[in-house]
Amino acid sequence: MKPRQAAALVLVLAACALTAGDERTAPRPAATPPLPTSLWAPPAEPRAAILALHGFNDYRRAFELFGSFAAERGIAVEAFDQRGFGENPDRGRWPGSARLVADARARLLALHRQYPGVPVYLLGVSMGAAVAALAVAEQPPPFLAGVILSAPAVWGGQAMNPFYRGLLWIAARLFPDLELTGESLKRQASDNLEVLRALAADPLFIKRTRIAAIEGLVRLMGEAFAAAPRILSPVLVLVGERDQIVPVDAQLAFARAIGSEDCTLVVYPEGWHLLLRDRQRERVWRDIEAWLFGEPLPSGLARPCAERDLAAAGSGREIDGAPRLPARTP
């Protein structure tokens, strides 16, 4: 196997790798411009507010469909381009896990101040879920009502093949700026071909990824997986059984390791990696809405994260004798 071909294998770790040592980070500019932000808000005071963190190579528009749905139901959704992505000047360069987490916590506080007295939640998709996990581990903001982790990117550290880890470490030091596309991997992020085509044509969606950024992502995923026992806030974990980007087994192991006693797992038999944009996305949206307000999830797929037989949960089959998860209290 040629070095370039072998290195390309790790690009599957990118949340949207579409078919159609020391952490290397981007240098800090003297004056940091504001992070590009979008807000979908109801006309009246919202019943809840969500800060949404996008996945690797994506940007804030990833939440356009869900944000519109939520706003119609009295839920405000704010999303911003995380450093290194979207319309940021350092686009394509890895900012470092600590910087991503600090930004998330700062935006959470700003959203709380914008809507005082309104329950505030953190939603992360893929890489964004890894950032969210670190942001709430150990010392979550006191005002945080809960966290939603969709298709969490947690395939790093000990969960990743040692050969890939070693290869990536070497590649990131020999040619950190080498760009990979992942086209040869033939992985599909969603069954929604319209969305995939739109991403392929979107100039703000990164299609060529630096190896140094991939290494940073893998490091982040390993840190997020290790942080699972320290996540004590109410958690909703969403997994697509057809996910071709992050191994489902790694996501289920992460869910099982979460320390919160209020942790709900939902595995969608027809779900892919881009759960909020898949063809069955409204099923996921309605489950999120119900969870926010302590109602039974309409999909009927809710299970405790610590349930022993997660293999059955991952198959979409009923687990004999398993108790139904009681509704949360907001």
C-alpha atoms as a PDB file:
ATOM      1  CA  MET A   1       0.000   0.000   0.000  1.00  0.00           C
ATOM      2  CA  LYS A   2       1.370   3.395  -0.982  1.00  0.00           C
ATOM      3  CA  PRO A   3       1.821   5.949   1.854  1.00  0.00           C
ATOM      4  CA  ARG A   4      -0.648   8.331   0.241  1.00  0.00           C
ATOM      5  CA  GLN A   5      -3.281   5.599  -0.114  1.00  0.00           C
ATOM      6  CA  ALA A   6      -2.773   4.399   3.450  1.00  0.00           C
ATOM      7  CA  ALA A   7      -2.953   7.909   4.823  1.00  0.00           C
ATOM      8  CA  ALA A   8      -6.200   8.443   2.942  1.00  0.00           C
ATOM      9  CA  LEU A   9      -7.833   5.733   5.029  1.00  0.00           C
ATOM     10  CA  VAL A  10      -7.919   7.948   8.075  1.00  0.00           C
ATOM     11  CA  LEU A  11      -9.936  10.583   6.223  1.00  0.00           C
ATOM     12  CA  VAL A  12     -13.018   8.483   6.926  1.00  0.00           C
ATOM     13  CA  LEU A  13     -12.788  10.016  10.388  1.00  0.00           C
ATOM     14  CA  ALA A  14     -13.976  13.263   8.859  1.00  0.00           C
ATOM     15  CA  ALA A  15     -17.675  13.542   9.617  1.00  0.00           C
ATOM     16  CA  CYS A  16     -18.540  14.285   6.023  1.00  0.00           C
ATOM     17  CA  ALA A  17     -15.936  12.488   3.931  1.00  0.00           C
ATOM     18  CA  LEU A  18     -18.334  12.371   0.985  1.00  0.00           C
ATOM     19  CA  THR A  19     -18.097  10.285  -2.148  1.00  0.00           C
ATOM     20  CA  ALA A  20     -19.920  12.926  -4.581  1.00  0.00           C
ATOM     21  CA  GLY A  21       3.150  13.883  19.799  1.00  0.00           C
ATOM     22  CA  ASP A  22       2.173  17.683  19.769  1.00  0.00           C
ATOM     23  CA  GLU A  23      -1.061  19.011  18.444  1.00  0.00           C
ATOM     24  CA  ARG A  24      -0.557  21.166  15.373  1.00  0.00           C
ATOM     25  CA  THR A  25      -2.807  24.207  15.478  1.00  0.00           C
ATOM     26  CA  ALA A  26      -3.448  27.257  13.373  1.00  0.00           C
ATOM     27  CA  PRO A  27      -1.509  30.383  14.367  1.00  0.00           C
ATOM     28  CA  ARG A  28      -3.570  32.925  16.268  1.00  0.00           C
ATOM     29  CA  PRO A  29      -4.143  36.200  14.464  1.00  0.00           C
ATOM     30  CA  ALA A  30      -3.404  39.429  16.338  1.00  0.00           C
ATOM     31  CA  ALA A  31      -7.087  40.353  16.296  1.00  0.00           C
ATOM     32  CA  THR A  32      -9.594  37.508  16.215  1.00  0.00           C
ATOM     33  CA  PRO A  33     -12.720  38.392  14.200  1.00  0.00           C
ATOM     34  CA  PRO A  34     -16.152  37.351  15.494  1.00  0.00           C
ATOM     35  CA  LEU A  35     -17.171  33.803  14.637  1.00  0.00           C
ATOM     36  CA  PRO A  36     -19.815  33.769  11.849  1.00  0.00           C
ATOM     37  CA  THR A  37     -23.153  32.954  13.473  1.00  0.00           C
ATOM     38  CA  SER A  38     -26.717  32.106  12.431  1.00  0.00           C
ATOM     39  CA  LEU A  39     -29.813  32.152  14.629  1.00  0.00           C
ATOM     40  CA  TRP A  40     -33.189  30.529  14.014  1.00  0.00           C
ATOM     41  CA  ALA A  41     -35.561  31.980  16.586  1.00  0.00           C
ATOM     42  CA  PRO A  42     -39.324  31.986  17.162  1.00  0.00           C
ATOM     43  CA  PRO A  43     -41.097  35.360  17.078  1.00  0.00           C
ATOM     44  CA  ALA A  44     -41.920  35.139  20.793  1.00  0.00           C
ATOM     45  CA  GLU A  45     -39.841  34.150  23.819  1.00  0.00           C
ATOM     46  CA  PRO A  46     -38.468  30.644  23.147  1.00  0.00           C
ATOM     47  CA  ARG A  47     -39.351  27.665  25.292  1.00  0.00           C
ATOM     48  CA  ALA A  48     -35.745  26.465  25.010  1.00  0.00           C
ATOM     49  CA  ALA A  49     -32.505  27.525  23.328  1.00  0.00           C
ATOM     50  CA  ILE A  50     -29.929  25.282  21.647  1.00  0.00           C
ATOM     51  CA  LEU A  51     -26.319  26.008  20.741  1.00  0.00           C
ATOM     52  CA  ALA A  52     -25.435  23.756  17.789  1.00  0.00           C
ATOM     53  CA  LEU A  53     -21.898  22.631  16.888  1.00  0.00           C
ATOM     54  CA  HIS A  54     -21.310  21.360  13.347  1.00  0.00           C
ATOM     55  CA  GLY A  55     -19.137  18.479  12.180  1.00  0.00           C
ATOM     56  CA  PHE A  56     -15.687  18.272  10.597  1.00  0.00           C
ATOM     57  CA  ASN A  57     -15.285  20.236   7.338  1.00  0.00           C
ATOM     58  CA  ASP A  58     -18.873  21.493   7.650  1.00  0.00           C
ATOM     59  CA  TYR A  59     -20.168  24.839   8.897  1.00  0.00           C
ATOM     60  CA  ARG A  60     -23.171  26.489  10.551  1.00  0.00           C
ATOM     61  CA  ARG A  61     -25.555  25.957   7.632  1.00  0.00           C
ATOM     62  CA  ALA A  62     -25.622  22.274   8.609  1.00  0.00           C
ATOM     63  CA  PHE A  63     -28.457  23.208  10.999  1.00  0.00           C
ATOM     64  CA  GLU A  64     -30.583  25.166   8.534  1.00  0.00           C
ATOM     65  CA  LEU A  65     -33.296  22.507   8.205  1.00  0.00           C
ATOM     66  CA  PHE A  66     -33.409  21.609  11.890  1.00  0.00           C
ATOM     67  CA  GLY A  67     -33.198  25.259  12.948  1.00  0.00           C
ATOM     68  CA  SER A  68     -36.258  26.178  10.888  1.00  0.00           C
ATOM     69  CA  PHE A  69     -38.174  23.208  12.295  1.00  0.00           C
ATOM     70  CA  ALA A  70     -37.219  24.107  15.862  1.00  0.00           C
ATOM     71  CA  ALA A  71     -38.084  27.800  15.517  1.00  0.00           C
ATOM     72  CA  GLU A  72     -41.594  26.878  14.376  1.00  0.00           C
ATOM     73  CA  ARG A  73     -41.970  24.974  17.645  1.00  0.00           C
ATOM     74  CA  GLY A  74     -40.743  27.715  19.923  1.00  0.00           C
ATOM     75  CA  ILE A  75     -37.115  26.595  20.156  1.00  0.00           C
ATOM     76  CA  ALA A  76     -34.240  28.950  19.336  1.00  0.00           C
ATOM     77  CA  VAL A  77     -31.213  27.410  17.615  1.00  0.00           C
ATOM     78  CA  GLU A  78     -27.887  29.214  17.275  1.00  0.00           C
ATOM     79  CA  ALA A  79     -25.018  27.806  15.215  1.00  0.00           C
ATOM     80  CA  PHE A  80     -21.614  29.279  14.467  1.00  0.00           C
ATOM     81  CA  ASP A  81     -18.675  28.410  12.240  1.00  0.00           C
ATOM     82  CA  GLN A  82     -16.114  26.789  14.500  1.00  0.00           C
ATOM     83  CA  ARG A  83     -12.545  27.982  14.039  1.00  0.00           C
ATOM     84  CA  GLY A  84     -10.886  26.441  11.013  1.00  0.00           C
ATOM     85  CA  PHE A  85     -14.191  25.979   9.201  1.00  0.00           C
ATOM     86  CA  GLY A  86     -16.834  27.829   7.206  1.00  0.00           C
ATOM     87  CA  GLU A  87     -16.209  31.526   6.692  1.00  0.00           C
ATOM     88  CA  ASN A  88     -13.417  31.853   9.238  1.00  0.00           C
ATOM     89  CA  PRO A  89     -10.098  33.251   7.924  1.00  0.00           C
ATOM     90  CA  ASP A  90      -8.188  30.197   9.207  1.00  0.00           C
ATOM     91  CA  ARG A  91     -10.419  27.852   7.224  1.00  0.00           C
ATOM     92  CA  GLY A  92      -8.771  24.471   6.686  1.00  0.00           C
ATOM     93  CA  ARG A  93      -6.336  24.714   9.598  1.00  0.00           C
ATOM     94  CA  TRP A  94      -6.872  22.872  12.861  1.00  0.00           C
ATOM     95  CA  PRO A  95      -7.396  25.316  15.774  1.00  0.00           C
ATOM     96  CA  GLY A  96      -6.811  22.811  18.583  1.00  0.00           C
ATOM     97  CA  SER A  97      -9.242  21.036  20.897  1.00  0.00           C
ATOM     98  CA  ALA A  98      -8.847  23.556  23.715  1.00  0.00           C
ATOM     99  CA  ARG A  99      -9.753  26.465  21.450  1.00  0.00           C
ATOM    100  CA  LEU A 100     -12.824  24.700  20.086  1.00  0.00           C
ATOM    101  CA  VAL A 101     -14.029  23.864  23.595  1.00  0.00           C
ATOM    102  CA  ALA A 102     -13.397  27.406  24.857  1.00  0.00           C
ATOM    103  CA  ASP A 103     -15.411  28.836  21.968  1.00  0.00           C
ATOM    104  CA  ALA A 104     -18.311  26.486  22.681  1.00  0.00           C
ATOM    105  CA  ARG A 105     -18.402  27.408  26.351  1.00  0.00           C
ATOM    106  CA  ALA A 106     -18.205  31.125  25.541  1.00  0.00           C
ATOM    107  CA  ARG A 107     -21.064  30.900  23.036  1.00  0.00           C
ATOM    108  CA  LEU A 108     -23.130  28.912  25.543  1.00  0.00           C
ATOM    109  CA  LEU A 109     -22.734  31.681  28.099  1.00  0.00           C
ATOM    110  CA  ALA A 110     -23.667  34.322  25.524  1.00  0.00           C
ATOM    111  CA  LEU A 111     -26.793  32.367  24.548  1.00  0.00           C
ATOM    112  CA  HIS A 112     -27.762  32.037  28.218  1.00  0.00           C
ATOM    113  CA  ARG A 113     -27.404  35.796  28.677  1.00  0.00           C
ATOM    114  CA  GLN A 114     -29.457  36.413  25.548  1.00  0.00           C
ATOM    115  CA  TYR A 115     -32.280  34.242  26.886  1.00  0.00           C
ATOM    116  CA  PRO A 116     -32.159  34.485  30.707  1.00  0.00           C
ATOM    117  CA  GLY A 117     -34.518  32.060  32.382  1.00  0.00           C
ATOM    118  CA  VAL A 118     -34.793  29.873  29.263  1.00  0.00           C
ATOM    119  CA  PRO A 119     -33.368  26.309  29.386  1.00  0.00           C
ATOM    120  CA  VAL A 120     -30.168  26.186  27.322  1.00  0.00           C
ATOM    121  CA  TYR A 121     -28.959  22.997  25.650  1.00  0.00           C
ATOM    122  CA  LEU A 122     -25.797  22.082  23.749  1.00  0.00           C
ATOM    123  CA  LEU A 123     -26.137  20.067  20.528  1.00  0.00           C
ATOM    124  CA  GLY A 124     -23.110  18.591  18.783  1.00  0.00           C
ATOM    125  CA  VAL A 125     -22.947  16.659  15.516  1.00  0.00           C
ATOM    126  CA  SER A 126     -20.021  14.304  14.822  1.00  0.00           C
ATOM    127  CA  MET A 127     -16.902  16.407  15.530  1.00  0.00           C
ATOM    128  CA  GLY A 128     -19.211  18.921  17.183  1.00  0.00           C
ATOM    129  CA  ALA A 129     -20.413  16.161  19.507  1.00  0.00           C
ATOM    130  CA  ALA A 130     -16.814  15.485  20.542  1.00  0.00           C
ATOM    131  CA  VAL A 131     -16.339  19.187  21.277  1.00  0.00           C
ATOM    132  CA  ALA A 132     -19.625  19.237  23.204  1.00  0.00           C
ATOM    133  CA  ALA A 133     -18.586  16.211  25.266  1.00  0.00           C
ATOM    134  CA  LEU A 134     -15.388  17.944  26.358  1.00  0.00           C
ATOM    135  CA  ALA A 135     -17.222  21.216  27.001  1.00  0.00           C
ATOM    136  CA  VAL A 136     -19.581  19.603  29.524  1.00  0.00           C
ATOM    137  CA  ALA A 137     -17.212  17.088  31.124  1.00  0.00           C
ATOM    138  CA  GLU A 138     -16.463  17.625  34.814  1.00  0.00           C
ATOM    139  CA  GLN A 139     -17.551  21.266  35.130  1.00  0.00           C
ATOM    140  CA  PRO A 140     -20.536  22.001  32.894  1.00  0.00           C
ATOM    141  CA  PRO A 141     -21.943  25.533  32.956  1.00  0.00           C
ATOM    142  CA  PRO A 142     -24.387  25.708  35.892  1.00  0.00           C
ATOM    143  CA  PHE A 143     -27.194  26.930  33.631  1.00  0.00           C
ATOM    144  CA  LEU A 144     -26.857  24.055  31.121  1.00  0.00           C
ATOM    145  CA  ALA A 145     -30.039  21.967  30.925  1.00  0.00           C
ATOM    146  CA  GLY A 146     -28.551  19.115  28.895  1.00  0.00           C
ATOM    147  CA  VAL A 147     -26.478  17.997  25.923  1.00  0.00           C
ATOM    148  CA  ILE A 148     -27.419  16.230  22.681  1.00  0.00           C
ATOM    149  CA  LEU A 149     -24.716  14.187  20.928  1.00  0.00           C
ATOM    150  CA  SER A 150     -25.605  13.156  17.369  1.00  0.00           C
ATOM    151  CA  ALA A 151     -23.374  10.587  15.626  1.00  0.00           C
ATOM    152  CA  PRO A 152     -20.551  11.402  18.061  1.00  0.00           C
ATOM    153  CA  ALA A 153     -17.081  11.296  16.505  1.00  0.00           C
ATOM    154  CA  VAL A 154     -15.318   9.187  19.115  1.00  0.00           C
ATOM    155  CA  TRP A 155     -13.172   6.882  16.979  1.00  0.00           C
ATOM    156  CA  GLY A 156      -9.810   7.910  18.363  1.00  0.00           C
ATOM    157  CA  GLY A 157      -7.283   6.997  21.014  1.00  0.00           C
ATOM    158  CA  GLN A 158      -7.458   3.341  22.017  1.00  0.00           C
ATOM    159  CA  ALA A 159     -10.652   2.871  19.974  1.00  0.00           C
ATOM    160  CA  MET A 160      -8.666   3.302  16.761  1.00  0.00           C
ATOM    161  CA  ASN A 161      -6.501   0.686  15.056  1.00  0.00           C
ATOM    162  CA  PRO A 162      -2.890   1.164  16.298  1.00  0.00           C
ATOM    163  CA  PHE A 163      -1.620   0.898  12.713  1.00  0.00           C
ATOM    164  CA  TYR A 164      -3.762   3.851  11.659  1.00  0.00           C
ATOM    165  CA  ARG A 165      -2.698   5.836  14.723  1.00  0.00           C
ATOM    166  CA  GLY A 166       0.975   5.261  14.004  1.00  0.00           C
ATOM    167  CA  LEU A 167       0.597   5.980  10.314  1.00  0.00           C
ATOM    168  CA  LEU A 168      -1.232   9.203  11.006  1.00  0.00           C
ATOM    169  CA  TRP A 169       1.351  10.348  13.571  1.00  0.00           C
ATOM    170  CA  ILE A 170       4.158   9.850  11.061  1.00  0.00           C
ATOM    171  CA  ALA A 171       2.253  11.401   8.157  1.00  0.00           C
ATOM    172  CA  ALA A 172       1.337  14.504  10.168  1.00  0.00           C
ATOM    173  CA  ARG A 173       5.003  15.146  10.873  1.00  0.00           C
ATOM    174  CA  LEU A 174       6.414  14.345   7.450  1.00  0.00           C
ATOM    175  CA  PHE A 175       3.818  16.129   5.330  1.00  0.00           C
ATOM    176  CA  PRO A 176       1.298  17.968   7.570  1.00  0.00           C
ATOM    177  CA  ASP A 177       0.029  20.178   4.739  1.00  0.00           C
ATOM    178  CA  LEU A 178      -0.639  17.314   2.329  1.00  0.00           C
ATOM    179  CA  GLU A 179      -4.321  17.452   1.399  1.00  0.00           C
ATOM    180  CA  LEU A 180      -6.543  14.380   1.038  1.00  0.00           C
ATOM    181  CA  THR A 181     -10.039  14.090  -0.403  1.00  0.00           C
ATOM    182  CA  GLY A 182     -11.201  10.635   0.710  1.00  0.00           C
ATOM    183  CA  GLU A 183     -12.930  10.079  -2.636  1.00  0.00           C
ATOM    184  CA  SER A 184     -11.457   6.589  -3.014  1.00  0.00           C
ATOM    185  CA  LEU A 185     -12.967   5.425   0.283  1.00  0.00           C
ATOM    186  CA  LYS A 186     -16.490   5.236  -1.154  1.00  0.00           C
ATOM    187  CA  ARG A 187     -18.102   6.136   2.163  1.00  0.00           C
ATOM    188  CA  GLN A 188     -21.534   7.744   2.207  1.00  0.00           C
ATOM    189  CA  ALA A 189     -22.624  10.146   4.934  1.00  0.00           C
ATOM    190  CA  SER A 190     -26.376  10.133   4.284  1.00  0.00           C
ATOM    191  CA  ASP A 191     -29.180   8.620   2.223  1.00  0.00           C
ATOM    192  CA  ASN A 192     -30.257  12.164   1.337  1.00  0.00           C
ATOM    193  CA  LEU A 193     -28.548  12.544  -2.035  1.00  0.00           C
ATOM    194  CA  GLU A 194     -29.886  16.060  -2.478  1.00  0.00           C
ATOM    195  CA  VAL A 195     -28.021  17.186   0.633  1.00  0.00           C
ATOM    196  CA  LEU A 196     -24.850  15.390  -0.449  1.00  0.00           C
ATOM    197  CA  ARG A 197     -24.942  17.074  -3.850  1.00  0.00           C
ATOM    198  CA  ALA A 198     -25.483  20.456  -2.213  1.00  0.00           C
ATOM    199  CA  LEU A 199     -22.465  19.915   0.041  1.00  0.00           C
ATOM    200  CA  ALA A 200     -20.332  18.864  -2.916  1.00  0.00           C
ATOM    201  CA  ALA A 201     -21.226  22.130  -4.662  1.00  0.00           C
ATOM    202  CA  ASP A 202     -20.901  24.342  -1.573  1.00  0.00           C
ATOM    203  CA  PRO A 203     -17.627  26.322  -1.627  1.00  0.00           C
ATOM    204  CA  LEU A 204     -17.708  26.682   2.173  1.00  0.00           C
ATOM    205  CA  PHE A 205     -17.727  22.928   2.714  1.00  0.00           C
ATOM    206  CA  ILE A 206     -14.097  21.758   2.896  1.00  0.00           C
ATOM    207  CA  LYS A 207     -13.335  18.999   0.400  1.00  0.00           C
ATOM    208  CA  ARG A 208      -9.551  18.769   0.652  1.00  0.00           C
ATOM    209  CA  THR A 209      -8.320  18.147   4.198  1.00  0.00           C
ATOM    210  CA  ARG A 210      -4.809  18.687   5.570  1.00  0.00           C
ATOM    211  CA  ILE A 211      -3.288  15.694   7.315  1.00  0.00           C
ATOM    212  CA  ALA A 212      -2.478  17.916  10.309  1.00  0.00           C
ATOM    213  CA  ALA A 213      -6.199  18.655  10.652  1.00  0.00           C
ATOM    214  CA  ILE A 214      -7.050  14.958  10.497  1.00  0.00           C
ATOM    215  CA  GLU A 215      -4.529  14.277  13.259  1.00  0.00           C
ATOM    216  CA  GLY A 216      -6.124  17.023  15.336  1.00  0.00           C
ATOM    217  CA  LEU A 217      -9.544  15.481  14.804  1.00  0.00           C
ATOM    218  CA  VAL A 218      -8.337  12.041  15.877  1.00  0.00           C
ATOM    219  CA  ARG A 219      -6.781  13.549  18.993  1.00  0.00           C
ATOM    220  CA  LEU A 220     -10.062  15.322  19.770  1.00  0.00           C
ATOM    221  CA  MET A 221     -12.046  12.106  19.334  1.00  0.00           C
ATOM    222  CA  GLY A 222      -9.771  10.243  21.701  1.00  0.00           C
ATOM    223  CA  GLU A 223     -10.107  12.989  24.302  1.00  0.00           C
ATOM    224  CA  ALA A 224     -13.894  12.948  23.956  1.00  0.00           C
ATOM    225  CA  PHE A 225     -14.082   9.176  24.380  1.00  0.00           C
ATOM    226  CA  ALA A 226     -11.916   9.363  27.500  1.00  0.00           C
ATOM    227  CA  ALA A 227     -14.135  12.125  28.914  1.00  0.00           C
ATOM    228  CA  ALA A 228     -17.321  10.027  28.787  1.00  0.00           C
ATOM    229  CA  PRO A 229     -17.282   8.978  32.483  1.00  0.00           C
ATOM    230  CA  ARG A 230     -16.989  12.654  33.477  1.00  0.00           C
ATOM    231  CA  ILE A 231     -20.113  13.724  31.587  1.00  0.00           C
ATOM    232  CA  LEU A 232     -22.735  14.093  34.311  1.00  0.00           C
ATOM    233  CA  SER A 233     -25.286  16.406  32.666  1.00  0.00           C
ATOM    234  CA  PRO A 234     -28.513  15.021  31.151  1.00  0.00           C
ATOM    235  CA  VAL A 235     -27.523  13.505  27.789  1.00  0.00           C
ATOM    236  CA  LEU A 236     -29.282  12.358  24.629  1.00  0.00           C
ATOM    237  CA  VAL A 237     -27.099  10.231  22.325  1.00  0.00           C
ATOM    238  CA  LEU A 238     -28.326   9.708  18.752  1.00  0.00           C
ATOM    239  CA  VAL A 239     -26.802   6.979  16.580  1.00  0.00           C
ATOM    240  CA  GLY A 240     -27.563   5.868  13.020  1.00  0.00           C
ATOM    241  CA  GLU A 241     -27.218   2.127  12.505  1.00  0.00           C
ATOM    242  CA  ARG A 242     -26.151   2.728   8.887  1.00  0.00           C
ATOM    243  CA  ASP A 243     -23.406   5.187   9.799  1.00  0.00           C
ATOM    244  CA  GLN A 244     -20.443   4.620   7.452  1.00  0.00           C
ATOM    245  CA  ILE A 245     -18.276   7.417   8.856  1.00  0.00           C
ATOM    246  CA  VAL A 246     -17.847   6.680  12.585  1.00  0.00           C
ATOM    247  CA  PRO A 247     -18.077   2.991  13.619  1.00  0.00           C
ATOM    248  CA  VAL A 248     -21.366   2.316  15.381  1.00  0.00           C
ATOM    249  CA  ASP A 249     -19.632   0.071  17.927  1.00  0.00           C
ATOM    250  CA  ALA A 250     -17.408   2.975  18.988  1.00  0.00           C
ATOM    251  CA  GLN A 251     -20.431   5.236  19.409  1.00  0.00           C
ATOM    252  CA  LEU A 252     -22.256   2.635  21.510  1.00  0.00           C
ATOM    253  CA  ALA A 253     -19.191   2.026  23.678  1.00  0.00           C
ATOM    254  CA  PHE A 254     -18.950   5.773  24.240  1.00  0.00           C
ATOM    255  CA  ALA A 255     -22.636   5.968  25.204  1.00  0.00           C
ATOM    256  CA  ARG A 256     -22.225   3.081  27.634  1.00  0.00           C
ATOM    257  CA  ALA A 257     -19.271   4.844  29.296  1.00  0.00           C
ATOM    258  CA  ILE A 258     -21.093   8.137  29.916  1.00  0.00           C
ATOM    259  CA  GLY A 259     -21.260   8.854  33.645  1.00  0.00           C
ATOM    260  CA  SER A 260     -24.607  10.642  33.729  1.00  0.00           C
ATOM    261  CA  GLU A 261     -27.492   8.844  35.396  1.00  0.00           C
ATOM    262  CA  ASP A 262     -29.799  10.690  33.008  1.00  0.00           C
ATOM    263  CA  CYS A 263     -28.469   9.410  29.679  1.00  0.00           C
ATOM    264  CA  THR A 264     -30.775   8.369  26.850  1.00  0.00           C
ATOM    265  CA  LEU A 265     -29.624   6.424  23.796  1.00  0.00           C
ATOM    266  CA  VAL A 266     -31.537   6.250  20.521  1.00  0.00           C
ATOM    267  CA  VAL A 267     -30.337   4.045  17.657  1.00  0.00           C
ATOM    268  CA  TYR A 268     -32.157   4.605  14.361  1.00  0.00           C
ATOM    269  CA  PRO A 269     -32.190   1.479  12.138  1.00  0.00           C
ATOM    270  CA  GLU A 270     -32.548   3.663   9.021  1.00  0.00           C
ATOM    271  CA  GLY A 271     -30.242   6.422  10.246  1.00  0.00           C
ATOM    272  CA  TRP A 272     -26.943   7.392   8.621  1.00  0.00           C
ATOM    273  CA  HIS A 273     -24.223   9.763   9.822  1.00  0.00           C
ATOM    274  CA  LEU A 274     -26.019  13.009   9.023  1.00  0.00           C
ATOM    275  CA  LEU A 275     -29.006  12.166  11.203  1.00  0.00           C
ATOM    276  CA  LEU A 276     -30.382  15.716  11.230  1.00  0.00           C
ATOM    277  CA  ARG A 277     -30.333  15.791   7.412  1.00  0.00           C
ATOM    278  CA  ASP A 278     -31.142  12.189   6.463  1.00  0.00           C
ATOM    279  CA  ARG A 279     -34.378  11.323   4.700  1.00  0.00           C
ATOM    280  CA  GLN A 280     -35.853  10.264   8.075  1.00  0.00           C
ATOM    281  CA  ARG A 281     -34.615  13.468   9.743  1.00  0.00           C
ATOM    282  CA  GLU A 282     -38.021  14.556  11.039  1.00  0.00           C
ATOM    283  CA  ARG A 283     -38.160  11.440  13.197  1.00  0.00           C
ATOM    284  CA  VAL A 284     -34.910  12.546  14.822  1.00  0.00           C
ATOM    285  CA  TRP A 285     -36.079  16.150  15.127  1.00  0.00           C
ATOM    286  CA  ARG A 286     -39.252  15.121  16.937  1.00  0.00           C
ATOM    287  CA  ASP A 287     -37.308  12.912  19.332  1.00  0.00           C
ATOM    288  CA  ILE A 288     -35.049  15.859  20.175  1.00  0.00           C
ATOM    289  CA  GLU A 289     -38.043  18.125  20.744  1.00  0.00           C
ATOM    290  CA  ALA A 290     -39.693  15.573  23.029  1.00  0.00           C
ATOM    291  CA  TRP A 291     -36.491  15.023  25.015  1.00  0.00           C
ATOM    292  CA  LEU A 292     -36.044  18.754  25.598  1.00  0.00           C
ATOM    293  CA  PHE A 293     -39.362  18.934  27.393  1.00  0.00           C
ATOM    294  CA  GLY A 294     -39.256  15.634  29.266  1.00  0.00           C
ATOM    295  CA  GLU A 295     -41.769  13.850  27.047  1.00  0.00           C
ATOM    296  CA  PRO A 296     -41.608  10.233  25.800  1.00  0.00           C
ATOM    297  CA  LEU A 297     -39.728  10.034  22.530  1.00  0.00           C
ATOM    298  CA  PRO A 298     -42.215   9.429  19.688  1.00  0.00           C
ATOM    299  CA  SER A 299     -39.869   7.012  17.883  1.00  0.00           C
ATOM    300  CA  GLY A 300     -40.196   4.564  20.775  1.00  0.00           C
ATOM    301  CA  LEU A 301     -36.477   3.782  20.469  1.00  0.00           C
ATOM    302  CA  ALA A 302     -35.241   5.421  23.686  1.00  0.00           C
ATOM    303  CA  ARG A 303     -33.051   3.283  25.955  1.00  0.00           C
ATOM    304  CA  PRO A 304     -30.817   4.012  28.942  1.00  0.00           C
ATOM    305  CA  CYS A 305     -27.227   4.490  27.789  1.00  0.00           C
ATOM    306  CA  ALA A 306     -25.995   2.044  30.412  1.00  0.00           C
ATOM    307  CA  GLU A 307     -28.278  -0.762  29.237  1.00  0.00           C
ATOM    308  CA  ARG A 308     -26.203  -3.903  28.983  1.00  0.00           C
ATOM    309  CA  ASP A 309     -27.505  -5.267  25.684  1.00  0.00           C
ATOM    310  CA  LEU A 310     -26.528  -2.390  23.425  1.00  0.00           C
ATOM    311  CA  ALA A 311     -25.967  -4.838  20.586  1.00  0.00           C
ATOM    312  CA  ALA A 312     -29.709  -5.447  20.484  1.00  0.00           C
ATOM    313  CA  ALA A 313     -30.323  -1.721  20.744  1.00  0.00           C
ATOM    314  CA  GLY A 314     -28.072  -1.212  17.751  1.00  0.00           C
ATOM    315  CA  SER A 315     -30.051  -3.696  15.693  1.00  0.00           C
ATOM    316  CA  GLY A 316     -33.281  -1.789  16.197  1.00  0.00           C
ATOM    317  CA  ARG A 317     -34.873  -4.832  17.878  1.00  0.00           C
ATOM    318  CA  GLU A 318     -36.852  -4.705  21.077  1.00  0.00           C
ATOM    319  CA  ILE A 319     -34.929  -5.908  24.109  1.00  0.00           C
ATOM    320  CA  ASP A 320     -37.001  -8.419  26.028  1.00  0.00           C
ATOM    321  CA  GLY A 321     -37.852  -7.265  29.505  1.00  0.00           C
ATOM    322  CA  ALA A 322     -36.119  -3.905  29.165  1.00  0.00           C
ATOM    323  CA  PRO A 323     -37.964  -1.128  30.981  1.00  0.00           C
ATOM    324  CA  ARG A 324     -39.153   1.864  29.011  1.00  0.00           C
ATOM    325  CA  LEU A 325     -37.100   4.945  29.743  1.00  0.00           C
ATOM    326  CA  PRO A 326     -39.132   7.374  31.862  1.00  0.00           C
ATOM    327  CA  ALA A 327     -39.622  10.888  30.583  1.00  0.00           C
ATOM    328  CA  ARG A 328     -37.043  13.439  31.675  1.00  0.00           C
ATOM    329  CA  THR A 329     -37.978  16.372  33.797  1.00  0.00           C
ATOM    330  CA  PRO A 330     -36.621  19.597  32.311  1.00  0.00           C
END
